[in-house]
Protein backbone atom coordinates (compact mmCIF):
# COMPACT_ATOMS: atom_id res chain seq x y z
CA UNK A 1 0.00 0.00 0.00
CA UNK A 2 2.86 2.37 0.74
CA UNK A 3 4.17 1.83 -2.80
CA UNK A 4 0.85 2.85 -4.32
CA UNK A 5 0.58 5.81 -1.96
CA UNK A 6 4.04 7.02 -3.01
CA UNK A 7 3.21 6.42 -6.69
CA UNK A 8 -0.02 8.41 -6.65
CA UNK A 9 1.56 11.25 -4.65
CA UNK A 10 3.15 12.58 -7.88
CA UNK A 11 -0.25 13.03 -9.54
CA UNK A 12 -2.08 16.32 -9.11
CA UNK A 13 -4.26 18.81 -10.94
CA UNK A 14 -1.47 19.49 -13.46
CA UNK A 15 -1.53 15.83 -14.48
CA UNK A 16 -5.29 16.00 -15.05
CA UNK A 17 -5.04 19.30 -16.93
CA UNK A 18 -2.30 18.01 -19.25
CA UNK A 19 -4.34 14.85 -19.93
CA UNK A 20 -7.44 16.86 -20.82
CA UNK A 21 -5.45 19.14 -23.12
CA UNK A 22 -3.88 16.14 -24.86
CA UNK A 23 -7.30 14.54 -25.47
CA UNK A 24 -8.72 17.83 -26.78
CA UNK A 25 -5.69 18.37 -29.05
CA UNK A 26 -5.97 14.87 -30.54
CA UNK A 27 -9.72 15.24 -31.03
CA UNK A 28 -9.44 18.60 -32.83
CA UNK A 29 -6.57 17.40 -35.05
CA UNK A 30 -8.53 14.27 -36.07
CA UNK A 31 -11.70 16.25 -36.69
CA UNK A 32 -10.06 18.92 -38.85
CA UNK A 33 -7.53 16.64 -40.51
CA UNK A 34 -4.43 18.28 -39.06
CA UNK A 35 -1.78 15.58 -39.44
CA UNK A 36 1.99 15.52 -39.15
CA UNK A 37 4.72 13.05 -38.33
CA UNK A 38 7.83 13.84 -36.33
CA UNK A 39 10.53 11.61 -34.81
CA UNK A 40 9.63 10.67 -31.25
CA UNK A 41 13.28 10.74 -30.18
CA UNK A 42 12.83 14.53 -30.06
CA UNK A 43 10.87 13.93 -26.86
CA UNK A 44 13.87 12.36 -25.17
CA UNK A 45 16.22 15.08 -26.38
CA UNK A 46 14.00 18.10 -25.73
CA UNK A 47 12.16 16.97 -22.58
CA UNK A 48 13.18 13.71 -20.91
CA UNK A 49 16.94 14.29 -20.81
CA UNK A 50 16.73 17.82 -19.27
CA UNK A 51 14.14 16.85 -16.65
CA UNK A 52 16.00 13.67 -15.64
CA UNK A 53 19.13 15.81 -15.26
CA UNK A 54 17.15 18.19 -13.00
CA UNK A 55 15.81 15.28 -10.91
CA UNK A 56 19.33 13.90 -10.46
CA UNK A 57 20.62 17.34 -9.48
CA UNK A 58 17.78 17.88 -6.97
CA UNK A 59 18.37 14.43 -5.43
CA UNK A 60 22.09 15.09 -5.01
CA UNK A 61 21.27 18.41 -3.29
CA UNK A 62 19.00 16.53 -0.88
CA UNK A 63 21.74 14.02 -0.08
CA UNK A 64 24.22 16.88 0.42
CA UNK A 65 21.80 18.57 2.83
CA UNK A 66 21.28 15.31 4.74
CA UNK A 67 25.03 14.85 5.17
CA UNK A 68 25.62 18.30 6.62
CA UNK A 69 22.46 18.28 8.70
CA UNK A 70 23.81 15.09 10.28
CA UNK A 71 27.05 17.02 10.96
CA UNK A 72 25.04 19.84 12.54
CA UNK A 73 23.16 17.41 14.80
CA UNK A 74 26.30 15.45 15.64
CA UNK A 75 28.26 18.50 16.73
CA UNK A 76 25.27 19.82 18.71
CA UNK A 77 25.05 16.52 20.58
CA UNK A 78 28.84 16.50 21.10
CA UNK A 79 28.66 20.03 22.51
CA UNK A 80 25.95 19.03 24.97
CA UNK A 81 27.74 15.85 26.11
CA UNK A 82 31.00 17.75 26.56
CA UNK A 83 29.26 20.43 28.60
CA UNK A 84 27.59 17.70 30.66
CA UNK A 85 30.92 15.99 31.42
CA UNK A 86 33.22 18.99 31.79
CA UNK A 87 30.97 21.88 32.69
CA UNK A 88 28.84 20.15 35.29
CA UNK A 89 31.90 19.58 37.44
CA UNK A 90 31.78 23.32 38.09
CA UNK A 91 28.14 24.24 37.43
CA UNK A 92 25.35 21.66 37.83
CA UNK A 93 22.82 23.67 35.80
CA UNK A 94 25.05 24.35 32.79
CA UNK A 95 24.15 21.17 30.81
CA UNK A 96 20.42 21.66 31.40
CA UNK A 97 20.63 25.24 30.08
CA UNK A 98 22.50 24.10 26.96
CA UNK A 99 19.98 21.34 26.32
CA UNK A 100 17.18 23.90 26.23
CA UNK A 101 19.19 26.27 24.02
CA UNK A 102 20.09 23.55 21.49
CA UNK A 103 16.51 22.27 21.34
CA UNK A 104 15.13 25.78 20.76
CA UNK A 105 17.77 26.41 18.08
CA UNK A 106 16.80 23.27 16.15
CA UNK A 107 13.09 24.08 16.44
CA UNK A 108 13.85 27.51 14.97
CA UNK A 109 15.91 26.06 12.11
CA UNK A 110 13.19 23.50 11.34
CA UNK A 111 10.39 26.09 11.25
CA UNK A 112 12.52 28.48 9.18
CA UNK A 113 13.26 25.92 6.47
CA UNK A 114 9.55 25.19 6.13
CA UNK A 115 8.91 28.82 5.16
CA UNK A 116 9.29 30.33 1.72
CA UNK A 117 12.87 31.57 1.12
CA UNK A 118 11.89 35.26 1.17
CA UNK A 119 10.03 34.85 4.48
CA UNK A 120 12.86 32.76 5.97
CA UNK A 121 15.32 35.62 5.52
CA UNK A 122 13.59 37.50 8.33
CA UNK A 123 14.42 34.79 10.90
CA UNK A 124 18.07 34.26 9.95
CA UNK A 125 19.37 36.90 12.32
CA UNK A 126 17.63 35.11 15.20
CA UNK A 127 19.24 31.78 14.25
CA UNK A 128 22.72 33.31 14.26
CA UNK A 129 21.92 35.05 17.55
CA UNK A 130 21.19 31.60 19.03
CA UNK A 131 24.59 30.39 17.82
CA UNK A 132 26.09 33.49 19.43
CA UNK A 133 24.36 32.59 22.70
CA UNK A 134 25.91 29.11 22.62
CA UNK A 135 29.35 30.63 22.15
CA UNK A 136 28.79 33.33 24.75
CA UNK A 137 27.70 30.71 27.28
CA UNK A 138 31.17 29.20 27.12
CA UNK A 139 32.50 32.37 28.76
CA UNK A 140 30.66 31.24 31.88
CA UNK A 141 32.45 27.88 31.66
CA UNK A 142 35.76 29.71 31.60
CA UNK A 143 34.76 31.82 34.58
CA UNK A 144 33.90 28.77 36.67
CA UNK A 145 37.22 27.09 35.94
CA UNK A 146 36.96 24.94 32.80
CA UNK A 147 40.44 24.57 31.28
CA UNK A 148 41.42 26.60 28.21
CA UNK A 149 42.08 23.48 26.11
CA UNK A 150 38.62 22.11 26.82
CA UNK A 151 37.03 25.49 26.08
CA UNK A 152 38.83 25.57 22.72
CA UNK A 153 37.30 22.21 21.83
CA UNK A 154 33.83 23.40 22.86
CA UNK A 155 34.20 26.46 20.63
CA UNK A 156 35.13 24.15 17.75
CA UNK A 157 31.85 22.28 18.20
CA UNK A 158 29.94 25.57 17.92
CA UNK A 159 32.02 26.58 14.89
CA UNK A 160 31.29 23.28 13.11
CA UNK A 161 27.59 23.66 13.90
CA UNK A 162 27.60 27.06 12.19
CA UNK A 163 29.41 25.63 9.15
CA UNK A 164 26.94 22.72 8.92
CA UNK A 165 23.99 25.09 9.16
CA UNK A 166 25.50 27.37 6.51
CA UNK A 167 25.80 24.53 4.00
CA UNK A 168 22.27 23.28 4.64
CA UNK A 169 21.07 26.89 4.38
CA UNK A 170 22.63 27.20 0.92
CA UNK A 171 20.74 24.10 -0.25
CA UNK A 172 17.53 25.75 0.98
CA UNK A 173 18.10 29.09 -0.76
CA UNK A 174 19.83 28.01 -3.97
CA UNK A 175 17.99 25.57 -6.23
CA UNK A 176 18.72 23.63 -9.42
CA UNK A 177 19.24 25.79 -12.57
CA UNK A 178 16.14 27.96 -12.98
CA UNK A 179 16.49 28.34 -16.76
CA UNK A 180 16.76 24.56 -17.24
CA UNK A 181 13.61 23.99 -15.20
CA UNK A 182 11.78 26.72 -17.14
CA UNK A 183 12.91 25.16 -20.43
CA UNK A 184 11.61 21.74 -19.37
CA UNK A 185 8.27 23.11 -18.18
CA UNK A 186 7.62 24.97 -21.46
CA UNK A 187 8.11 21.81 -23.52
CA UNK A 188 6.22 19.57 -21.06
CA UNK A 189 3.08 21.71 -21.07
CA UNK A 190 3.19 22.43 -24.81
CA UNK A 191 3.76 18.77 -25.67
CA UNK A 192 0.07 17.70 -25.35
CA UNK A 193 -0.76 20.27 -28.03
CA UNK A 194 2.21 19.42 -30.25
CA UNK A 195 1.48 15.69 -30.06
CA UNK A 196 -2.05 16.11 -31.45
CA UNK A 197 -1.11 16.18 -35.18
CA UNK A 198 1.10 13.12 -34.77
CA UNK A 199 -1.69 11.20 -32.99
CA UNK A 200 -4.08 12.22 -35.78
CA UNK A 201 -1.68 10.87 -38.41
CA UNK A 202 -1.60 7.44 -36.74
CA UNK A 203 -5.26 7.37 -35.67
CA UNK A 204 -6.32 4.83 -38.30
CA UNK A 205 -3.40 2.53 -37.46
CA UNK A 206 -4.71 1.71 -33.98
CA UNK A 207 -7.88 0.33 -32.47
CA UNK A 208 -10.51 2.91 -31.56
CA UNK A 209 -9.39 5.18 -28.73
CA UNK A 210 -5.79 3.93 -28.52
CA UNK A 211 -4.45 7.18 -30.03
CA UNK A 212 -6.13 9.09 -27.20
CA UNK A 213 -4.76 6.65 -24.60
CA UNK A 214 -1.19 7.01 -25.89
CA UNK A 215 -1.48 10.81 -25.93
CA UNK A 216 -2.71 10.81 -22.32
CA UNK A 217 0.02 8.36 -21.30
CA UNK A 218 2.75 10.58 -22.72
CA UNK A 219 1.35 13.59 -20.90
CA UNK A 220 1.00 11.73 -17.59
CA UNK A 221 4.57 10.43 -17.74
CA UNK A 222 6.12 13.81 -18.52
CA UNK A 223 4.05 15.82 -16.03
CA UNK A 224 4.68 13.19 -13.33
CA UNK A 225 8.43 13.51 -13.88
CA UNK A 226 8.06 17.27 -13.53
CA UNK A 227 6.06 16.83 -10.31
CA UNK A 228 8.72 14.50 -8.97
CA UNK A 229 11.38 17.11 -9.66
CA UNK A 230 9.28 19.77 -7.94
CA UNK A 231 8.92 17.61 -4.83
CA UNK A 232 12.68 17.09 -4.64
CA UNK A 233 13.50 20.73 -5.40
CA UNK A 234 12.80 21.86 -1.84
CA UNK A 235 13.63 18.93 0.49
CA UNK A 236 12.52 20.86 3.60
CA UNK A 237 8.89 21.81 2.92
CA UNK A 238 7.44 18.43 4.05
CA UNK A 239 5.39 18.13 0.85
CA UNK A 240 7.11 15.27 -1.00
CA UNK A 241 7.73 11.69 0.14
CA UNK A 242 11.51 12.23 0.23
CA UNK A 243 11.67 15.42 2.30
CA UNK A 244 14.12 15.80 5.17
CA UNK A 245 12.64 15.35 8.65
CA UNK A 246 14.54 17.44 11.21
CA UNK A 247 13.59 15.10 14.09
CA UNK A 248 14.15 17.74 16.78
CA UNK A 249 12.46 15.71 19.50
CA UNK A 250 14.65 12.71 18.66
CA UNK A 251 17.77 14.85 19.12
CA UNK A 252 16.44 16.05 22.48
CA UNK A 253 15.83 12.43 23.48
CA UNK A 254 19.49 11.60 22.85
CA UNK A 255 20.72 14.40 25.10
CA UNK A 256 20.79 12.29 28.27
CA UNK A 257 20.92 14.04 31.60
CA UNK A 258 23.50 11.68 33.06
CA UNK A 259 25.64 8.70 32.21
CA UNK A 260 23.39 6.40 34.21
CA UNK A 261 20.50 7.08 31.84
CA UNK A 262 22.70 6.11 28.90
CA UNK A 263 23.08 2.56 30.19
């Protein structure tokens, strides 16, 4: 059932619209005798190749974002565990405060990446302020006696968190080539009309209605590929089946309060 659910998730109103246009185009071309033949390999050159390239590019961006989001989470967890082990020797409440700060930071990042890019820009300053708070909190660790070498390592964790966030941020703001996607869309949505004369020229070669079925099938395949690319284009919006789940509560669950709870 999950397979069918995933399969039908790429169908939407655009699929239906393209199918209706293809049927109408074939009908009008048959009725008025508008016939033409053209090599079908043009479809693969003009449409399929560019859109498959875009899908591959969008998928690689998603994998890139996953890798660096894992880095961001890993360094956040390392920062908390280090604070718990080193900082709590001097200040019992330090780890608890950092746990709250890290959880709030990840909630903010998650909600920001689910916005539209223009709206997300307004919250960026707050995200970097939260990183600043993590770094500033390490001054307290120095004041209560944490060694300079250990503090340097803690600062490195914060630094690597910022780098990981910056890379994931770039995936969010910068997409696959806009002109290539526009080129593919123009041909995909004009194809149902362009295919009409060809279907009319082969109408008498098939059983009744097969020309319409083939025209609809072509449209469904091409529009579905375009929908698949659109779902992968923004891996953070929680619309497609392959979107990235930030799992903030899971990260919080792994930030154990003591070693005894880890056993």
